[in-house]
Protein backbone atom coordinates (compact mmCIF):
# COMPACT_ATOMS: atom_id res chain seq x y z
CA UNK A 1 20.17 -7.71 3.55
CA UNK A 2 21.29 -9.62 6.64
CA UNK A 3 24.98 -10.56 6.52
CA UNK A 4 25.89 -14.15 5.68
CA UNK A 5 25.81 -16.39 8.72
CA UNK A 6 23.34 -14.25 10.70
CA UNK A 7 20.54 -16.51 11.88
CA UNK A 8 17.19 -14.89 12.59
CA UNK A 9 16.45 -17.08 15.58
CA UNK A 10 14.22 -16.42 18.55
CA UNK A 11 17.25 -15.44 20.61
CA UNK A 12 17.50 -12.24 18.60
CA UNK A 13 13.97 -11.14 19.39
CA UNK A 14 14.82 -11.50 23.09
CA UNK A 15 17.75 -9.11 22.63
CA UNK A 16 15.82 -6.27 20.98
CA UNK A 17 12.15 -5.49 20.58
CA UNK A 18 10.78 -8.19 22.88
CA UNK A 19 8.76 -5.88 25.14
CA UNK A 20 5.84 -6.87 27.31
CA UNK A 21 3.29 -5.30 25.00
CA UNK A 22 4.77 -7.20 22.04
CA UNK A 23 4.37 -10.47 23.95
CA UNK A 24 0.75 -9.60 24.74
CA UNK A 25 -0.11 -8.61 21.16
CA UNK A 26 1.60 -11.70 19.74
CA UNK A 27 -0.39 -13.96 22.05
CA UNK A 28 -3.74 -12.21 21.58
CA UNK A 29 -3.49 -12.22 17.76
CA UNK A 30 -3.59 -16.03 17.84
CA UNK A 31 -6.61 -16.40 20.17
CA UNK A 32 -9.91 -17.27 18.49
CA UNK A 33 -11.93 -15.41 21.13
CA UNK A 34 -10.09 -12.18 20.25
CA UNK A 35 -11.21 -12.40 16.62
CA UNK A 36 -14.75 -13.28 17.74
CA UNK A 37 -14.74 -10.25 20.03
CA UNK A 38 -13.43 -8.07 17.21
CA UNK A 39 -16.35 -9.16 15.05
CA UNK A 40 -18.80 -8.19 17.80
CA UNK A 41 -17.12 -4.79 18.17
CA UNK A 42 -17.36 -4.17 14.43
CA UNK A 43 -21.05 -5.12 14.44
CA UNK A 44 -21.60 -2.77 17.38
CA UNK A 45 -19.84 0.05 15.51
CA UNK A 46 -22.12 -0.54 12.54
CA UNK A 47 -25.27 -0.46 14.69
CA UNK A 48 -24.08 2.76 16.30
CA UNK A 49 -23.91 4.44 12.92
CA UNK A 50 -20.27 3.89 11.95
CA UNK A 51 -19.32 5.16 8.51
CA UNK A 52 -20.10 2.27 6.10
CA UNK A 53 -16.91 2.44 4.05
CA UNK A 54 -14.77 2.48 7.19
CA UNK A 55 -16.68 -0.49 8.61
CA UNK A 56 -16.15 -2.44 5.38
CA UNK A 57 -12.43 -1.64 5.38
CA UNK A 58 -12.11 -2.92 8.96
CA UNK A 59 -14.03 -6.06 8.05
CA UNK A 60 -11.78 -6.63 5.04
CA UNK A 61 -8.64 -6.72 7.15
CA UNK A 62 -10.28 -8.40 10.15
CA UNK A 63 -11.45 -11.24 7.91
CA UNK A 64 -8.00 -11.78 6.39
CA UNK A 65 -6.24 -11.50 9.75
CA UNK A 66 -8.57 -14.04 11.34
CA UNK A 67 -7.92 -16.57 8.58
CA UNK A 68 -4.17 -15.90 8.69
CA UNK A 69 -3.49 -15.85 12.44
CA UNK A 70 -5.81 -18.79 13.25
CA UNK A 71 -4.48 -20.68 10.19
CA UNK A 72 -7.96 -21.23 8.82
CA UNK A 73 -6.59 -20.55 5.35
CA UNK A 74 -3.03 -20.66 4.02
CA UNK A 75 -1.35 -17.26 4.49
CA UNK A 76 0.85 -16.24 1.58
CA UNK A 77 3.22 -13.31 2.07
CA UNK A 78 3.51 -11.11 -1.01
CA UNK A 79 5.34 -7.97 -2.03
CA UNK A 80 3.31 -4.85 -2.72
CA UNK A 81 2.93 -5.23 -6.49
CA UNK A 82 2.08 -8.92 -6.75
CA UNK A 83 -1.54 -9.15 -7.96
CA UNK A 84 -3.26 -10.68 -4.96
CA UNK A 85 -6.11 -11.99 -7.11
CA UNK A 86 -3.66 -14.89 -7.50
CA UNK A 87 -3.66 -15.55 -3.75
CA UNK A 88 -7.41 -15.14 -3.21
CA UNK A 89 -7.94 -17.17 -6.39
CA UNK A 90 -6.06 -20.09 -4.84
CA UNK A 91 -8.16 -19.91 -1.68
CA UNK A 92 -5.46 -18.32 0.47
CA UNK A 93 -5.13 -14.94 2.15
CA UNK A 94 -2.35 -12.46 1.36
CA UNK A 95 -0.20 -10.67 3.89
CA UNK A 96 2.04 -7.75 2.88
CA UNK A 97 4.74 -7.14 5.53
CA UNK A 98 5.77 -3.79 4.03
CA UNK A 99 2.16 -2.56 4.01
CA UNK A 100 1.57 -3.92 7.51
CA UNK A 101 4.52 -1.78 8.62
CA UNK A 102 2.31 1.25 8.02
CA UNK A 103 -0.27 -0.24 10.40
CA UNK A 104 2.43 -0.82 13.00
CA UNK A 105 3.65 2.77 12.69
CA UNK A 106 0.09 4.12 12.99
CA UNK A 107 -0.38 2.31 16.30
CA UNK A 108 3.09 3.04 17.64
CA UNK A 109 4.50 -0.50 17.31
CA UNK A 110 7.11 0.08 14.63
CA UNK A 111 9.99 0.91 16.96
CA UNK A 112 10.19 -2.64 18.36
CA UNK A 113 10.19 -4.15 14.86
CA UNK A 114 12.90 -1.74 13.73
CA UNK A 115 14.97 -2.46 16.83
CA UNK A 116 15.01 -6.21 16.31
CA UNK A 117 15.87 -5.75 12.62
CA UNK A 118 18.78 -3.50 13.52
CA UNK A 119 19.99 -6.08 16.04
CA UNK A 120 20.35 -8.42 13.06
CA UNK A 121 22.73 -5.90 11.43
CA UNK A 122 20.34 -4.62 8.78
CA UNK A 123 21.58 -1.23 7.64
CA UNK A 124 19.46 1.71 8.87
CA UNK A 125 19.63 3.30 5.42
CA UNK A 126 17.43 0.53 4.00
CA UNK A 127 13.74 1.30 3.56
CA UNK A 128 12.03 1.28 6.96
CA UNK A 129 8.89 -0.37 5.52
CA UNK A 130 10.98 -3.46 4.75
CA UNK A 131 13.05 -3.32 7.94
CA UNK A 132 9.89 -3.16 10.04
CA UNK A 133 8.40 -6.03 8.05
CA UNK A 134 11.42 -8.25 8.75
CA UNK A 135 11.41 -7.25 12.41
CA UNK A 136 7.71 -8.02 12.80
CA UNK A 137 8.26 -11.48 11.33
CA UNK A 138 11.18 -12.20 13.65
CA UNK A 139 9.09 -11.02 16.62
CA UNK A 140 6.27 -13.20 15.22
CA UNK A 141 3.87 -10.29 15.35
CA UNK A 142 3.00 -11.19 11.76
CA UNK A 143 1.23 -14.49 11.03
CA UNK A 144 3.26 -17.49 9.91
CA UNK A 145 3.50 -17.68 6.11
CA UNK A 146 2.85 -20.91 4.25
CA UNK A 147 4.80 -19.50 1.29
CA UNK A 148 6.20 -16.22 -0.02
CA UNK A 149 5.56 -14.79 -3.50
CA UNK A 150 7.34 -11.64 -4.71
CA UNK A 151 7.79 -9.83 -7.99
CA UNK A 152 11.02 -8.32 -9.29
CA UNK A 153 9.26 -4.97 -9.73
CA UNK A 154 9.17 -2.26 -8.48
CA UNK A 155 11.31 -2.52 -5.39
CA UNK A 156 14.56 -4.41 -4.95
CA UNK A 157 14.38 -4.22 -1.16
CA UNK A 158 10.94 -5.84 -1.07
CA UNK A 159 11.97 -9.11 -2.65
CA UNK A 160 15.17 -9.31 -0.62
CA UNK A 161 13.47 -8.66 2.72
CA UNK A 162 10.74 -11.18 1.93
CA UNK A 163 13.39 -13.74 1.00
CA UNK A 164 14.85 -13.32 4.49
CA UNK A 165 11.37 -13.83 5.95
CA UNK A 166 10.95 -17.05 3.95
CA UNK A 167 14.30 -18.27 5.30
CA UNK A 168 13.28 -17.51 8.87
CA UNK A 169 10.01 -19.41 8.51
CA UNK A 170 11.52 -22.14 6.27
CA UNK A 171 8.76 -21.87 3.66
CA UNK A 172 8.72 -21.92 -0.17
CA UNK A 173 9.87 -18.74 -1.91
CA UNK A 174 8.75 -17.72 -5.42
CA UNK A 175 9.84 -14.76 -7.49
CA UNK A 176 8.07 -13.48 -10.59
CA UNK A 177 10.77 -12.15 -12.89
CA UNK A 178 8.97 -9.27 -14.60
CA UNK A 179 10.39 -8.50 -18.08
CA UNK A 180 11.56 -4.93 -18.54
CA UNK A 181 10.30 -4.65 -22.13
CA UNK A 182 6.58 -4.73 -22.85
CA UNK A 183 5.97 -7.16 -25.72
CA UNK A 184 3.78 -10.16 -26.55
CA UNK A 185 6.73 -12.45 -25.87
CA UNK A 186 7.33 -10.84 -22.49
CA UNK A 187 3.66 -11.09 -21.61
CA UNK A 188 3.55 -14.76 -22.56
CA UNK A 189 6.68 -15.47 -20.53
CA UNK A 190 5.33 -13.77 -17.41
CA UNK A 191 1.93 -15.42 -17.79
CA UNK A 192 3.60 -18.84 -17.84
CA UNK A 193 5.61 -17.92 -14.75
CA UNK A 194 2.44 -17.01 -12.86
CA UNK A 195 0.78 -20.24 -13.91
CA UNK A 196 3.81 -22.27 -12.80
CA UNK A 197 3.84 -20.50 -9.42
CA UNK A 198 0.11 -21.22 -9.01
CA UNK A 199 0.60 -24.90 -9.82
CA UNK A 200 3.56 -25.19 -7.46
CA UNK A 201 1.65 -23.48 -4.64
CA UNK A 202 -1.19 -25.98 -5.09
CA UNK A 203 1.29 -28.82 -4.72
CA UNK A 204 3.38 -27.38 -1.89
CA UNK A 205 0.74 -25.74 0.31
CA UNK A 206 -2.17 -27.85 1.59
CA UNK A 207 -5.51 -26.12 1.24
CA UNK A 208 -4.77 -24.17 -1.93
CA UNK A 209 -6.72 -24.77 -5.14
CA UNK A 210 -7.28 -22.72 -8.28
CA UNK A 211 -11.03 -23.44 -7.96
CA UNK A 212 -11.47 -19.96 -6.46
CA UNK A 213 -9.87 -18.08 -9.36
CA UNK A 214 -13.08 -17.14 -11.20
CA UNK A 215 -14.56 -15.72 -7.99
CA UNK A 216 -11.45 -13.68 -7.19
CA UNK A 217 -11.32 -12.18 -10.67
CA UNK A 218 -15.04 -11.37 -10.56
CA UNK A 219 -14.51 -9.67 -7.18
CA UNK A 220 -11.61 -7.67 -8.55
CA UNK A 221 -13.51 -6.48 -11.62
CA UNK A 222 -16.57 -5.55 -9.54
CA UNK A 223 -14.36 -3.51 -7.19
CA UNK A 224 -12.75 -1.81 -10.20
CA UNK A 225 -16.14 -0.59 -11.41
CA UNK A 226 -16.98 1.07 -8.08
CA UNK A 227 -13.44 2.39 -7.74
CA UNK A 228 -13.64 4.18 -11.08
CA UNK A 229 -16.90 5.78 -9.89
CA UNK A 230 -15.02 7.02 -6.83
CA UNK A 231 -12.18 8.41 -8.95
CA UNK A 232 -14.68 10.31 -11.07
CA UNK A 233 -16.19 11.86 -7.94
CA UNK A 234 -12.73 12.84 -6.70
CA UNK A 235 -12.30 15.10 -9.73
CA UNK A 236 -14.86 17.38 -8.10
CA UNK A 237 -13.70 20.76 -6.81
CA UNK A 238 -13.55 20.93 -3.77
CA UNK A 239 -12.37 17.38 -3.09
CA UNK A 240 -15.00 15.17 -1.41
CA UNK A 241 -12.47 13.02 0.49
CA UNK A 242 -9.62 13.98 2.79
CA UNK A 243 -6.26 13.20 1.26
CA UNK A 244 -4.69 12.07 4.53
CA UNK A 245 -7.39 9.40 4.82
CA UNK A 246 -7.04 8.45 1.17
CA UNK A 247 -3.30 7.93 1.69
CA UNK A 248 -4.05 5.68 4.66
CA UNK A 249 -6.35 3.54 2.49
CA UNK A 250 -3.63 3.05 -0.14
CA UNK A 251 -2.77 -0.08 1.85
CA UNK A 252 -6.18 -1.52 0.91
CA UNK A 253 -5.54 -0.64 -2.74
CA UNK A 254 -2.27 -2.58 -2.63
CA UNK A 255 -3.57 -5.50 -0.55
CA UNK A 256 -7.13 -6.57 -1.28
CA UNK A 257 -7.86 -6.95 -5.00
CA UNK A 258 -9.77 -10.22 -5.24
CA UNK A 259 -11.35 -9.96 -1.80
CA UNK A 260 -15.17 -9.76 -1.68
CA UNK A 261 -14.88 -6.98 0.90
CA UNK A 262 -13.06 -4.63 -1.47
CA UNK A 263 -16.15 -4.33 -3.68
CA UNK A 264 -18.26 -3.39 -0.66
CA UNK A 265 -15.65 -0.91 0.52
CA UNK A 266 -15.39 1.00 -2.77
CA UNK A 267 -19.15 0.89 -3.31
CA UNK A 268 -19.71 2.44 0.12
CA UNK A 269 -16.89 4.95 -0.35
CA UNK A 270 -18.21 6.07 -3.74
CA UNK A 271 -21.62 6.60 -2.15
CA UNK A 272 -20.01 8.59 0.67
CA UNK A 273 -18.15 10.81 -1.81
CA UNK A 274 -21.33 11.29 -3.82
CA UNK A 275 -23.24 12.30 -0.70
CA UNK A 276 -20.53 14.86 0.14
CA UNK A 277 -20.79 16.38 -3.34
CA UNK A 278 -24.58 16.55 -3.02
CA UNK A 279 -24.54 18.09 0.47
CA UNK A 280 -21.60 20.43 -0.08
CA UNK A 281 -20.10 19.41 3.28
CA UNK A 282 -16.57 19.19 1.92
CA UNK A 283 -13.71 18.29 4.30
CA UNK A 284 -11.73 21.33 3.08
CA UNK A 285 -14.53 23.75 2.31
CA UNK A 286 -12.50 26.76 1.24
CA UNK A 287 -10.11 24.73 -0.89
CA UNK A 288 -7.36 27.04 -2.18
CA UNK A 289 -5.07 24.58 -3.91
CA UNK A 290 -5.10 20.93 -4.98
CA UNK A 291 -2.09 18.64 -4.74
CA UNK A 292 -1.07 15.33 -6.25
CA UNK A 293 0.83 13.24 -3.68
CA UNK A 294 3.50 10.83 -4.92
CA UNK A 295 4.74 7.77 -3.02
CA UNK A 296 3.44 7.05 0.51
CA UNK A 297 3.13 9.11 3.70
CA UNK A 298 4.50 9.19 7.27
CA UNK A 299 2.13 6.83 9.07
CA UNK A 300 3.15 7.67 12.64
CA UNK A 301 1.87 11.27 12.56
CA UNK A 302 -0.97 13.19 10.86
CA UNK A 303 0.57 16.62 11.53
CA UNK A 304 1.65 17.32 7.95
CA UNK A 305 -1.88 16.76 6.72
CA UNK A 306 -3.53 18.63 9.59
CA UNK A 307 -1.35 21.57 8.61
CA UNK A 308 -2.06 21.32 4.87
CA UNK A 309 -5.79 20.70 5.07
CA UNK A 310 -6.85 22.57 8.20
CA UNK A 311 -4.45 25.52 8.29
CA UNK A 312 -3.44 26.02 4.66
CA UNK A 313 -6.78 24.86 3.16
CA UNK A 314 -4.95 22.68 0.65
CA UNK A 315 -6.46 19.37 -0.49
CA UNK A 316 -4.65 16.28 -1.66
CA UNK A 317 -6.77 15.64 -4.72
CA UNK A 318 -5.20 12.30 -5.66
CA UNK A 319 -2.31 9.94 -4.87
CA UNK A 320 0.06 8.25 -7.27
CA UNK A 321 -0.34 4.85 -5.61
CA UNK A 322 -4.14 5.05 -5.99
CA UNK A 323 -4.00 5.28 -9.78
CA UNK A 324 -5.73 2.38 -11.52
CA UNK A 325 -3.41 1.37 -14.33
CA UNK A 326 -4.86 -1.96 -15.47
CA UNK A 327 -7.81 -3.11 -17.55
CA UNK A 328 -10.50 -5.52 -16.30
CA UNK A 329 -9.17 -9.04 -15.81
CA UNK A 330 -10.24 -11.96 -18.01
CA UNK A 331 -11.26 -15.13 -16.15
CA UNK A 332 -10.89 -17.14 -19.37
CA UNK A 333 -7.14 -16.49 -19.37
CA UNK A 334 -6.36 -15.55 -15.76
CA UNK A 335 -2.57 -15.89 -15.76
CA UNK A 336 -1.96 -13.79 -18.87
CA UNK A 337 -4.51 -11.31 -17.54
CA UNK A 338 -2.58 -11.01 -14.26
CA UNK A 339 0.64 -10.66 -16.25
CA UNK A 340 -0.91 -7.73 -18.11
CA UNK A 341 -1.79 -6.13 -14.80
CA UNK A 342 1.78 -6.47 -13.53
CA UNK A 343 3.34 -5.12 -16.70
CA UNK A 344 0.92 -2.18 -16.88
CA UNK A 345 2.36 -0.70 -13.69
CA UNK A 346 3.64 2.76 -14.68
CA UNK A 347 6.49 2.54 -12.18
CA UNK A 348 8.08 -0.28 -14.19
CA UNK A 349 10.09 0.29 -17.33
CA UNK A 350 11.24 3.67 -18.68
CA UNK A 351 10.52 6.62 -16.39
CA UNK A 352 8.49 8.21 -19.19
CA UNK A 353 5.67 5.81 -18.29
CA UNK A 354 5.50 7.21 -14.78
CA UNK A 355 5.73 10.80 -16.01
CA UNK A 356 2.80 10.20 -18.35
CA UNK A 357 0.61 8.93 -15.51
CA UNK A 358 1.55 11.86 -13.26
CA UNK A 359 0.64 14.19 -16.10
CA UNK A 360 -2.76 12.49 -16.39
CA UNK A 361 -3.35 12.85 -12.66
CA UNK A 362 -2.49 16.56 -12.86
CA UNK A 363 -4.99 17.07 -15.68
CA UNK A 364 -7.82 14.82 -14.55
CA UNK A 365 -7.85 16.05 -10.95
CA UNK A 366 -7.14 19.74 -11.62
CA UNK A 367 -3.90 19.60 -9.66
CA UNK A 368 -2.09 22.85 -8.77
CA UNK A 369 1.13 21.36 -7.37
CA UNK A 370 2.88 18.02 -6.91
CA UNK A 371 4.54 16.71 -3.73
CA UNK A 372 6.71 13.60 -3.72
CA UNK A 373 7.28 12.08 -0.29
CA UNK A 374 10.92 11.04 -0.59
CA UNK A 375 10.93 8.01 1.68
CA UNK A 376 14.40 7.33 3.09
CA UNK A 377 15.82 4.24 1.43
CA UNK A 378 13.42 4.28 -1.53
CA UNK A 379 15.81 4.09 -4.46
CA UNK A 380 12.97 3.68 -6.95
CA UNK A 381 11.34 7.06 -6.39
CA UNK A 382 14.25 9.09 -5.08
CA UNK A 383 16.38 8.15 -8.08
CA UNK A 384 13.92 9.79 -10.47
CA UNK A 385 13.34 12.98 -8.48
CA UNK A 386 15.47 15.27 -10.65
CA UNK A 387 13.91 13.95 -13.87
CA UNK A 388 10.45 14.44 -12.41
CA UNK A 389 11.32 17.95 -11.22
CA UNK A 390 12.56 18.97 -14.67
CA UNK A 391 9.50 17.49 -16.34
CA UNK A 392 7.02 19.33 -14.13
CA UNK A 393 8.97 22.59 -14.21
CA UNK A 394 8.76 22.66 -18.00
CA UNK A 395 5.00 22.33 -17.66
CA UNK A 396 4.85 25.15 -15.11
CA UNK A 397 3.72 22.86 -12.29
CA UNK A 398 5.26 23.52 -8.84
CA UNK A 399 7.03 20.47 -7.41
CA UNK A 400 8.30 19.65 -3.92
CA UNK A 401 10.51 16.66 -3.11
CA UNK A 402 9.77 16.24 0.60
CA UNK A 403 12.31 14.14 2.52
CA UNK A 404 10.98 11.92 5.29
CA UNK A 405 10.35 8.43 6.59
CA UNK A 406 7.06 6.59 6.47
CA UNK A 407 7.65 4.24 9.41
CA UNK A 408 10.69 5.28 11.44
CA UNK A 409 9.78 8.39 13.45
CA UNK A 410 13.46 8.89 14.32
CA UNK A 411 14.00 10.02 10.71
CA UNK A 412 10.91 12.19 10.46
CA UNK A 413 12.29 15.74 10.42
CA UNK A 414 8.68 16.82 10.89
CA UNK A 415 9.40 20.43 11.82
CA UNK A 416 11.50 20.91 8.70
CA UNK A 417 8.81 19.24 6.58
CA UNK A 418 6.17 21.62 7.92
CA UNK A 419 8.40 24.56 7.07
CA UNK A 420 8.99 23.30 3.55
CA UNK A 421 5.29 22.65 2.98
CA UNK A 422 4.47 26.16 4.15
CA UNK A 423 7.03 27.59 1.74
CA UNK A 424 5.57 25.47 -1.06
CA UNK A 425 2.08 26.84 -0.43
CA UNK A 426 3.54 30.37 -0.47
CA UNK A 427 5.19 29.57 -3.81
CA UNK A 428 1.83 28.59 -5.30
CA UNK A 429 0.29 31.76 -3.86
CA UNK A 430 3.04 33.95 -5.35
CA UNK A 431 2.55 32.41 -8.77
CA UNK A 432 -1.21 32.79 -8.54
CA UNK A 433 -1.45 29.14 -9.59
CA UNK A 434 -5.20 28.66 -9.15
CA UNK A 435 -6.09 31.61 -11.32
CA UNK A 436 -3.73 30.52 -14.07
CA UNK A 437 -4.88 26.88 -14.26
C-alpha cells in the first residue's frame, strides 16, 4: 500500500482533500446535538408516512454512527467479510471503511478521500473502495477506531488498507487467517483464532465484554428468518423490489448482522415486498428480462439502473452479495459458529464454489442473463471472469463483464457502459431468452 517511510499525518490532509465542506462534516459528525437532531428528523419522517424499511435502515446506521462518533461505545473497524456478530457481541459497534466509501460516493464526497489517498502515493489502480476508505480515515471523516479486525478472505486490498488505518490511528490490529481448505481441523483452528481475538479485544479495549454475545447471535438469527422470507418473495415474477435499491442495501447486508435494527429492517422489507406482490404495483411492471448482478455497483450515479429498469424494462432479480450462504448461528458455541459462517462464503476457496452459488441464483430467481460489474482494482472477481464466462456460456446463459468503478467517477466510462448494456439486452432479445427459459 503506502510506500515505506510515508507517514499519514495531518499535514497530508491539508495538502489534498481538506476542503471547507470536509471540515464542516468532520466537525458536525462529532457534535451530540447533530445526532439528536438526526433522531428527530427520522421520527418526523416516520410520522409523515416514510417507508418503514427505509426508516429502519436509516435508524440502523444512525444508531451505530452516534455510538461511534460520540465514542459512546468502542468502534471497531472491520473488513467486509468479518462476521460483525463478533463486534456487536462484545458490546462495540462496527465500521466498514470500504462499505462507507459507497456512502461517500453516493453523496459526492469520495473525490476528497481519493485525493488525499493519492497524495500519499497509493497507486490509482488499487480498488477505489479501499483508497477512499484510507483517505476518509486520514481526513478523519470516519470515526476513530479503538481496534481493527480483518479477515484474510476475500480481498487482499481490504486487510492491507485497514492495516494502514490501524497504523495511522495507533490502535490494535487483528487478522483472522482463514484456512483455504474446508475441514474440521480448519474450522477448529479458525474458531480458536476468533476466540483469541475476542479475548484480546476485551483486554485491550475498555468497554468491551462478551456478555452481549448471546443477544447479538439471537439478533442475527432473527434477521436471517425475515431475510429468507424476503428472498422467497423476490423469486416472484415480476420482481417486487428495484434492483438498484437492493444493490444499495448490500452495505447493510455486509455491515449489520448482530444489530437489533437489522431484524426490524428485513421484517419491514419482507412486508413491503409482500404488499407489492399482493397489489401488483411492481416497480418494473412490464418486466421483459431478469438479471443476476455480480459484485457491487457504481454508487455515484443511478443512470445504468434507470436505463435498465425504466427504459429497457429489465429487472435485477438478485445480487451475488445478497446471497445468504450460512446456517443459523449457535450461541452455545459462538466462535466455531462464526468460523463456519466465514468459511461458508462461496467466494473463498475453489472458484467452483462461487459458480455453484451463481447457478443457484440463476435457477431460484428465474434469471435470464448475468452481469458482473468488473470493479477496477478488484482482483478477486476480475480474475475469474473468463472462467465464469465459459461456465455460463455452456449453460446457454448470456453473460456481460461490465467494466467500471464503484467509487471513483473519473473511471466510470458511463456512456460506454450504457451502450454495452443496451447491446446485452438486444442479445437476449435476439436469442428469445424469456421464451426459452
